Amino acid sequence: MNNNVDKKKRTQRDYNLGFKLAVVSQVEKGELTYKQAQKKYGIQGRSTVLVWLRKHGILDWSKPALLMKSTFKETPAQKIKRLERELEDQKLKNQILNTMIDISDSQYGTSIRKKYLSQQSNASDKNKE
């Protein structure tokens, strides 16, 4: 058989219900991602498989981020990588906020950092009593 025949582009009419359900099943079982299924079966539409998942699937695909967190157990290595990414994001956010405070204090004459530090000091003095 010629490879061009195997990779024939399909039209919407080519997808019968059984085919759709088989693709949905493979994706929901984790055998393929929706993008892998799209490529494997020559499905042209970028969101076609996602539409099938929402329409025919048994999982709630309307919130994919929540689905991933609740359905799949993270390995310790995956958890470490995720936490490292979150830590880096928080460090960057902290750096940006500190820079904004410094700019505000120097350019606009505010004393945000001084006010915050004195509030912290007063709070710790009250805790000691």
C-alpha atoms as a PDB file:
ATOM      1  CA  MET A   1       0.000   0.000   0.000  1.00  0.00           C
ATOM      2  CA  ASN A   2       1.172   3.515  -0.719  1.00  0.00           C
ATOM      3  CA  ASN A   3       1.907   5.753   2.292  1.00  0.00           C
ATOM      4  CA  ASN A   4      -0.100   8.572   0.742  1.00  0.00           C
ATOM      5  CA  VAL A   5      -3.196   6.391   0.870  1.00  0.00           C
ATOM      6  CA  ASP A   6      -2.642   5.616   4.574  1.00  0.00           C
ATOM      7  CA  LYS A   7      -2.257   9.294   5.469  1.00  0.00           C
ATOM      8  CA  LYS A   8      -5.375  10.301   3.525  1.00  0.00           C
ATOM      9  CA  LYS A   9      -6.917  13.481   4.825  1.00  0.00           C
ATOM     10  CA  ARG A  10     -10.326  12.854   6.260  1.00  0.00           C
ATOM     11  CA  THR A  11     -13.499  14.863   6.190  1.00  0.00           C
ATOM     12  CA  GLN A  12     -16.059  15.194   8.962  1.00  0.00           C
ATOM     13  CA  ARG A  13     -18.298  12.635   7.231  1.00  0.00           C
ATOM     14  CA  ASP A  14     -15.605   9.969   7.646  1.00  0.00           C
ATOM     15  CA  TYR A  15     -15.990   9.922  11.423  1.00  0.00           C
ATOM     16  CA  ASN A  16     -18.698   7.516  12.478  1.00  0.00           C
ATOM     17  CA  LEU A  17     -19.806   7.254  16.091  1.00  0.00           C
ATOM     18  CA  GLY A  18     -17.827   4.062  16.712  1.00  0.00           C
ATOM     19  CA  PHE A  19     -14.624   5.709  15.512  1.00  0.00           C
ATOM     20  CA  LYS A  20     -15.225   8.756  17.700  1.00  0.00           C
ATOM     21  CA  LEU A  21     -15.916   6.613  20.753  1.00  0.00           C
ATOM     22  CA  ALA A  22     -12.773   4.537  20.128  1.00  0.00           C
ATOM     23  CA  VAL A  23     -10.621   7.681  19.931  1.00  0.00           C
ATOM     24  CA  VAL A  24     -12.265   9.134  23.053  1.00  0.00           C
ATOM     25  CA  SER A  25     -11.655   5.881  24.905  1.00  0.00           C
ATOM     26  CA  GLN A  26      -7.967   5.824  23.981  1.00  0.00           C
ATOM     27  CA  VAL A  27      -7.489   9.407  25.128  1.00  0.00           C
ATOM     28  CA  GLU A  28      -9.393   8.955  28.386  1.00  0.00           C
ATOM     29  CA  LYS A  29      -7.433   5.797  29.219  1.00  0.00           C
ATOM     30  CA  GLY A  30      -4.219   7.766  28.721  1.00  0.00           C
ATOM     31  CA  GLU A  31      -3.060   5.657  25.779  1.00  0.00           C
ATOM     32  CA  LEU A  32      -2.828   8.784  23.601  1.00  0.00           C
ATOM     33  CA  THR A  33      -3.047  12.520  24.130  1.00  0.00           C
ATOM     34  CA  TYR A  34      -5.708  14.231  22.072  1.00  0.00           C
ATOM     35  CA  LYS A  35      -2.959  15.680  19.864  1.00  0.00           C
ATOM     36  CA  GLN A  36      -1.393  12.237  19.341  1.00  0.00           C
ATOM     37  CA  ALA A  37      -4.809  10.823  18.402  1.00  0.00           C
ATOM     38  CA  GLN A  38      -5.316  13.694  15.980  1.00  0.00           C
ATOM     39  CA  LYS A  39      -1.990  12.974  14.288  1.00  0.00           C
ATOM     40  CA  LYS A  40      -2.316   9.170  14.350  1.00  0.00           C
ATOM     41  CA  TYR A  41      -5.740   9.151  12.708  1.00  0.00           C
ATOM     42  CA  GLY A  42      -5.271  12.134  10.378  1.00  0.00           C
ATOM     43  CA  ILE A  43      -7.916  14.257  12.068  1.00  0.00           C
ATOM     44  CA  GLN A  44      -7.604  17.737  10.575  1.00  0.00           C
ATOM     45  CA  GLY A  45      -9.476  19.967  13.003  1.00  0.00           C
ATOM     46  CA  ARG A  46      -7.370  21.158  15.915  1.00  0.00           C
ATOM     47  CA  SER A  47     -10.244  20.921  18.373  1.00  0.00           C
ATOM     48  CA  THR A  48     -12.189  18.019  16.841  1.00  0.00           C
ATOM     49  CA  VAL A  49     -10.969  15.439  19.358  1.00  0.00           C
ATOM     50  CA  LEU A  50     -11.603  17.845  22.245  1.00  0.00           C
ATOM     51  CA  VAL A  51     -15.165  18.324  21.037  1.00  0.00           C
ATOM     52  CA  TRP A  52     -15.614  14.543  20.951  1.00  0.00           C
ATOM     53  CA  LEU A  53     -14.189  14.243  24.465  1.00  0.00           C
ATOM     54  CA  ARG A  54     -16.643  16.812  25.783  1.00  0.00           C
ATOM     55  CA  LYS A  55     -19.579  15.276  23.920  1.00  0.00           C
ATOM     56  CA  HIS A  56     -18.913  11.529  24.246  1.00  0.00           C
ATOM     57  CA  GLY A  57     -16.408  11.190  27.065  1.00  0.00           C
ATOM     58  CA  ILE A  58     -17.121  10.193  30.634  1.00  0.00           C
ATOM     59  CA  LEU A  59     -14.584  12.594  32.163  1.00  0.00           C
ATOM     60  CA  ASP A  60     -15.171  16.311  32.746  1.00  0.00           C
ATOM     61  CA  TRP A  61     -13.012  17.916  30.056  1.00  0.00           C
ATOM     62  CA  SER A  62     -14.350  21.400  30.697  1.00  0.00           C
ATOM     63  CA  LYS A  63     -11.640  21.952  33.345  1.00  0.00           C
ATOM     64  CA  PRO A  64      -8.531  20.123  32.092  1.00  0.00           C
ATOM     65  CA  ALA A  65      -6.136  21.593  34.703  1.00  0.00           C
ATOM     66  CA  LEU A  66      -8.293  20.364  37.574  1.00  0.00           C
ATOM     67  CA  LEU A  67      -8.738  17.019  35.849  1.00  0.00           C
ATOM     68  CA  MET A  68      -5.000  16.446  35.626  1.00  0.00           C
ATOM     69  CA  LYS A  69      -4.455  17.252  39.282  1.00  0.00           C
ATOM     70  CA  SER A  70      -7.274  15.096  40.609  1.00  0.00           C
ATOM     71  CA  THR A  71      -7.074  12.084  38.285  1.00  0.00           C
ATOM     72  CA  PHE A  72      -3.375  11.417  37.858  1.00  0.00           C
ATOM     73  CA  LYS A  73      -1.102  10.751  40.821  1.00  0.00           C
ATOM     74  CA  GLU A  74       2.152  12.679  40.625  1.00  0.00           C
ATOM     75  CA  THR A  75       5.356  10.778  41.023  1.00  0.00           C
ATOM     76  CA  PRO A  76       7.767  12.220  43.595  1.00  0.00           C
ATOM     77  CA  ALA A  77      10.010  13.470  40.775  1.00  0.00           C
ATOM     78  CA  GLN A  78       7.061  15.190  39.060  1.00  0.00           C
ATOM     79  CA  LYS A  79       6.015  16.767  42.351  1.00  0.00           C
ATOM     80  CA  ILE A  80       9.549  18.060  42.946  1.00  0.00           C
ATOM     81  CA  LYS A  81       9.703  19.571  39.448  1.00  0.00           C
ATOM     82  CA  ARG A  82       6.280  21.183  39.867  1.00  0.00           C
ATOM     83  CA  LEU A  83       7.213  22.615  43.245  1.00  0.00           C
ATOM     84  CA  GLU A  84      10.546  23.884  41.908  1.00  0.00           C
ATOM     85  CA  ARG A  85       8.708  25.667  39.075  1.00  0.00           C
ATOM     86  CA  GLU A  86       6.227  27.160  41.546  1.00  0.00           C
ATOM     87  CA  LEU A  87       9.094  28.300  43.792  1.00  0.00           C
ATOM     88  CA  GLU A  88      10.878  29.960  40.864  1.00  0.00           C
ATOM     89  CA  ASP A  89       7.624  31.692  39.894  1.00  0.00           C
ATOM     90  CA  GLN A  90       7.181  32.974  43.445  1.00  0.00           C
ATOM     91  CA  LYS A  91      10.810  34.165  43.601  1.00  0.00           C
ATOM     92  CA  LEU A  92      10.321  36.084  40.364  1.00  0.00           C
ATOM     93  CA  LYS A  93       7.048  37.560  41.611  1.00  0.00           C
ATOM     94  CA  ASN A  94       8.747  38.586  44.868  1.00  0.00           C
ATOM     95  CA  GLN A  95      11.602  40.204  42.956  1.00  0.00           C
ATOM     96  CA  ILE A  96       9.156  42.145  40.771  1.00  0.00           C
ATOM     97  CA  LEU A  97       7.160  43.346  43.776  1.00  0.00           C
ATOM     98  CA  ASN A  98      10.317  44.440  45.610  1.00  0.00           C
ATOM     99  CA  THR A  99      11.460  46.334  42.521  1.00  0.00           C
ATOM    100  CA  MET A 100       8.064  48.031  42.287  1.00  0.00           C
ATOM    101  CA  ILE A 101       8.278  49.059  45.954  1.00  0.00           C
ATOM    102  CA  ASP A 102      11.799  50.426  45.445  1.00  0.00           C
ATOM    103  CA  ILE A 103      10.695  52.407  42.383  1.00  0.00           C
ATOM    104  CA  SER A 104       7.649  53.748  44.195  1.00  0.00           C
ATOM    105  CA  ASP A 105       9.711  54.758  47.234  1.00  0.00           C
ATOM    106  CA  SER A 106      12.420  56.456  45.167  1.00  0.00           C
ATOM    107  CA  GLN A 107      10.377  58.095  42.397  1.00  0.00           C
ATOM    108  CA  TYR A 108       7.184  58.981  44.249  1.00  0.00           C
ATOM    109  CA  GLY A 109       8.526  59.525  47.742  1.00  0.00           C
ATOM    110  CA  THR A 110       6.439  56.799  49.305  1.00  0.00           C
ATOM    111  CA  SER A 111       7.746  54.832  52.248  1.00  0.00           C
ATOM    112  CA  ILE A 112       6.001  51.511  51.722  1.00  0.00           C
ATOM    113  CA  ARG A 113       8.915  49.423  52.937  1.00  0.00           C
ATOM    114  CA  LYS A 114       9.439  51.576  56.053  1.00  0.00           C
ATOM    115  CA  LYS A 115       5.727  51.429  56.914  1.00  0.00           C
ATOM    116  CA  TYR A 116       5.649  47.680  56.409  1.00  0.00           C
ATOM    117  CA  LEU A 117       8.797  47.076  58.487  1.00  0.00           C
ATOM    118  CA  SER A 118       7.550  49.253  61.348  1.00  0.00           C
ATOM    119  CA  GLN A 119       4.213  47.392  61.343  1.00  0.00           C
ATOM    120  CA  GLN A 120       6.087  44.091  61.495  1.00  0.00           C
ATOM    121  CA  SER A 121       8.206  45.376  64.378  1.00  0.00           C
ATOM    122  CA  ASN A 122       5.143  46.570  66.330  1.00  0.00           C
ATOM    123  CA  ALA A 123       3.401  43.237  65.782  1.00  0.00           C
ATOM    124  CA  SER A 124       6.396  41.279  67.066  1.00  0.00           C
ATOM    125  CA  ASP A 125       6.668  43.569  70.118  1.00  0.00           C
ATOM    126  CA  LYS A 126       3.024  42.872  70.964  1.00  0.00           C
ATOM    127  CA  ASN A 127       3.576  39.104  70.601  1.00  0.00           C
ATOM    128  CA  LYS A 128       6.434  39.228  73.123  1.00  0.00           C
ATOM    129  CA  GLU A 129       4.176  40.710  75.815  1.00  0.00           C
END
